Amino acid sequence: MDDHLLTPREVAALFRVDPKTVTRWADEGRLSSIRTLGGHRRYRATEVNALLESTRSMRA
């Protein structure tokens, strides 16, 4: 499966938070990140969507 990668800004837009919050989540282990050759973080879309769904179900 070819899972595409999201930037911190894209993830932040989905959750309606600041990109720094996404970075903190990665540092805390709530979301795993992949580092590019340039050192930038990227996040797997399937993992991001799973976290998004779990937070939505907690709110309901």
N, C-alpha and C. Protein backbone atom coordinates (compact mmCIF):
# COMPACT_ATOMS: atom_id res chain seq x y z
N MET A 1 0.85 -1.18 0.00
CA MET A 1 0.00 0.00 0.00
C MET A 1 0.89 1.24 0.00
N ASP A 2 0.58 2.18 -0.87
CA ASP A 2 1.36 3.41 -0.98
C ASP A 2 0.69 4.50 -0.16
N ASP A 3 1.08 4.61 1.09
CA ASP A 3 0.51 5.59 2.00
C ASP A 3 1.21 6.93 1.79
N HIS A 4 0.44 7.96 1.49
CA HIS A 4 1.10 9.25 1.28
C HIS A 4 1.40 9.93 2.60
N LEU A 5 2.34 10.86 2.54
CA LEU A 5 2.83 11.54 3.73
C LEU A 5 2.30 12.96 3.78
N LEU A 6 2.04 13.41 4.99
CA LEU A 6 1.52 14.76 5.21
C LEU A 6 2.56 15.61 5.94
N THR A 7 2.55 16.88 5.65
CA THR A 7 3.42 17.82 6.35
C THR A 7 2.78 18.19 7.69
N PRO A 8 3.57 18.74 8.62
CA PRO A 8 2.98 19.18 9.88
C PRO A 8 1.86 20.20 9.68
N ARG A 9 1.99 21.06 8.70
CA ARG A 9 0.96 22.06 8.42
C ARG A 9 -0.34 21.40 7.96
N GLU A 10 -0.23 20.37 7.13
CA GLU A 10 -1.42 19.66 6.66
C GLU A 10 -2.13 18.93 7.81
N VAL A 11 -1.34 18.31 8.68
CA VAL A 11 -1.91 17.62 9.84
C VAL A 11 -2.58 18.63 10.76
N ALA A 12 -1.91 19.75 10.99
CA ALA A 12 -2.46 20.79 11.86
C ALA A 12 -3.79 21.31 11.33
N ALA A 13 -3.90 21.46 10.03
CA ALA A 13 -5.15 21.93 9.43
C ALA A 13 -6.29 20.94 9.67
N LEU A 14 -5.99 19.66 9.60
CA LEU A 14 -7.03 18.64 9.83
C LEU A 14 -7.55 18.68 11.27
N PHE A 15 -6.64 18.93 12.22
CA PHE A 15 -7.01 18.95 13.64
C PHE A 15 -7.38 20.35 14.14
N ARG A 16 -7.16 21.34 13.28
CA ARG A 16 -7.40 22.74 13.64
C ARG A 16 -6.56 23.16 14.85
N VAL A 17 -5.27 22.84 14.75
CA VAL A 17 -4.31 23.22 15.78
C VAL A 17 -3.10 23.86 15.09
N ASP A 18 -2.19 24.37 15.89
CA ASP A 18 -0.95 24.95 15.38
C ASP A 18 0.00 23.82 14.97
N PRO A 19 0.80 24.01 13.93
CA PRO A 19 1.77 22.98 13.55
C PRO A 19 2.72 22.59 14.68
N LYS A 20 3.02 23.50 15.58
CA LYS A 20 3.89 23.17 16.72
C LYS A 20 3.23 22.14 17.64
N THR A 21 1.91 22.15 17.69
CA THR A 21 1.19 21.16 18.48
C THR A 21 1.39 19.77 17.89
N VAL A 22 1.37 19.67 16.57
CA VAL A 22 1.60 18.39 15.89
C VAL A 22 3.00 17.88 16.20
N THR A 23 3.97 18.77 16.18
CA THR A 23 5.35 18.39 16.51
C THR A 23 5.43 17.89 17.96
N ARG A 24 4.73 18.56 18.86
CA ARG A 24 4.72 18.14 20.26
C ARG A 24 4.10 16.75 20.41
N TRP A 25 2.99 16.52 19.66
CA TRP A 25 2.36 15.20 19.69
C TRP A 25 3.35 14.12 19.25
N ALA A 26 4.15 14.41 18.25
CA ALA A 26 5.14 13.45 17.77
C ALA A 26 6.21 13.22 18.84
N ASP A 27 6.63 14.29 19.50
CA ASP A 27 7.63 14.16 20.57
C ASP A 27 7.08 13.35 21.74
N GLU A 28 5.78 13.46 21.99
CA GLU A 28 5.13 12.74 23.09
C GLU A 28 4.78 11.30 22.73
N GLY A 29 4.89 10.96 21.44
CA GLY A 29 4.59 9.61 21.01
C GLY A 29 3.14 9.37 20.60
N ARG A 30 2.34 10.42 20.57
CA ARG A 30 0.94 10.27 20.15
C ARG A 30 0.82 10.02 18.65
N LEU A 31 1.83 10.45 17.92
CA LEU A 31 1.83 10.34 16.46
C LEU A 31 3.26 10.10 16.03
N SER A 32 3.47 9.08 15.20
CA SER A 32 4.85 8.83 14.76
C SER A 32 5.15 9.66 13.52
N SER A 33 6.41 10.04 13.41
CA SER A 33 6.82 10.85 12.26
C SER A 33 7.98 10.18 11.54
N ILE A 34 8.12 10.55 10.31
CA ILE A 34 9.22 10.11 9.47
C ILE A 34 10.04 11.35 9.15
N ARG A 35 11.34 11.22 9.21
CA ARG A 35 12.21 12.35 8.87
C ARG A 35 12.65 12.24 7.41
N THR A 36 12.56 13.35 6.70
CA THR A 36 13.05 13.38 5.33
C THR A 36 14.57 13.51 5.37
N LEU A 37 15.20 13.41 4.22
CA LEU A 37 16.65 13.57 4.16
C LEU A 37 17.07 14.95 4.65
N GLY A 38 16.20 15.94 4.48
CA GLY A 38 16.49 17.29 4.94
C GLY A 38 16.16 17.51 6.41
N GLY A 39 15.63 16.48 7.09
CA GLY A 39 15.33 16.59 8.51
C GLY A 39 13.92 17.05 8.84
N HIS A 40 13.08 17.19 7.83
CA HIS A 40 11.71 17.63 8.06
C HIS A 40 10.83 16.44 8.44
N ARG A 41 9.83 16.72 9.26
CA ARG A 41 8.91 15.65 9.68
C ARG A 41 7.80 15.47 8.66
N ARG A 42 7.42 14.20 8.49
CA ARG A 42 6.26 13.84 7.67
C ARG A 42 5.48 12.80 8.44
N TYR A 43 4.17 12.78 8.22
CA TYR A 43 3.28 11.90 8.96
C TYR A 43 2.47 11.05 7.99
N ARG A 44 2.31 9.77 8.33
CA ARG A 44 1.54 8.85 7.47
C ARG A 44 0.06 9.21 7.54
N ALA A 45 -0.56 9.35 6.38
CA ALA A 45 -1.96 9.76 6.31
C ALA A 45 -2.88 8.76 7.03
N THR A 46 -2.60 7.47 6.92
CA THR A 46 -3.47 6.48 7.57
C THR A 46 -3.41 6.63 9.09
N GLU A 47 -2.24 6.87 9.63
CA GLU A 47 -2.11 7.05 11.08
C GLU A 47 -2.79 8.35 11.53
N VAL A 48 -2.63 9.40 10.75
CA VAL A 48 -3.26 10.69 11.07
C VAL A 48 -4.78 10.53 11.05
N ASN A 49 -5.30 9.86 10.03
CA ASN A 49 -6.75 9.66 9.93
C ASN A 49 -7.28 8.81 11.08
N ALA A 50 -6.52 7.82 11.51
CA ALA A 50 -6.94 6.98 12.64
C ALA A 50 -6.99 7.81 13.92
N LEU A 51 -6.01 8.67 14.14
CA LEU A 51 -6.01 9.52 15.32
C LEU A 51 -7.16 10.52 15.26
N LEU A 52 -7.41 11.05 14.08
CA LEU A 52 -8.51 11.99 13.90
C LEU A 52 -9.85 11.32 14.23
N GLU A 53 -10.04 10.10 13.74
CA GLU A 53 -11.28 9.37 14.03
C GLU A 53 -11.42 9.07 15.51
N SER A 54 -10.32 8.72 16.16
CA SER A 54 -10.40 8.40 17.59
C SER A 54 -10.73 9.63 18.42
N THR A 55 -10.22 10.79 18.01
CA THR A 55 -10.54 12.00 18.75
C THR A 55 -11.97 12.43 18.49
N ARG A 56 -12.48 12.18 17.31
CA ARG A 56 -13.89 12.51 17.01
C ARG A 56 -14.83 11.62 17.81
N SER A 57 -14.49 10.34 17.95
CA SER A 57 -15.36 9.43 18.69
C SER A 57 -15.34 9.75 20.18
N MET A 58 -14.22 10.29 20.67
CA MET A 58 -14.13 10.68 22.08
C MET A 58 -15.01 11.90 22.36
N ARG A 59 -15.17 12.77 21.39
CA ARG A 59 -15.98 13.99 21.56
C ARG A 59 -17.47 13.70 21.51
N ALA A 60 -17.85 12.64 20.81
CA ALA A 60 -19.28 12.35 20.63
C ALA A 60 -19.92 11.79 21.87
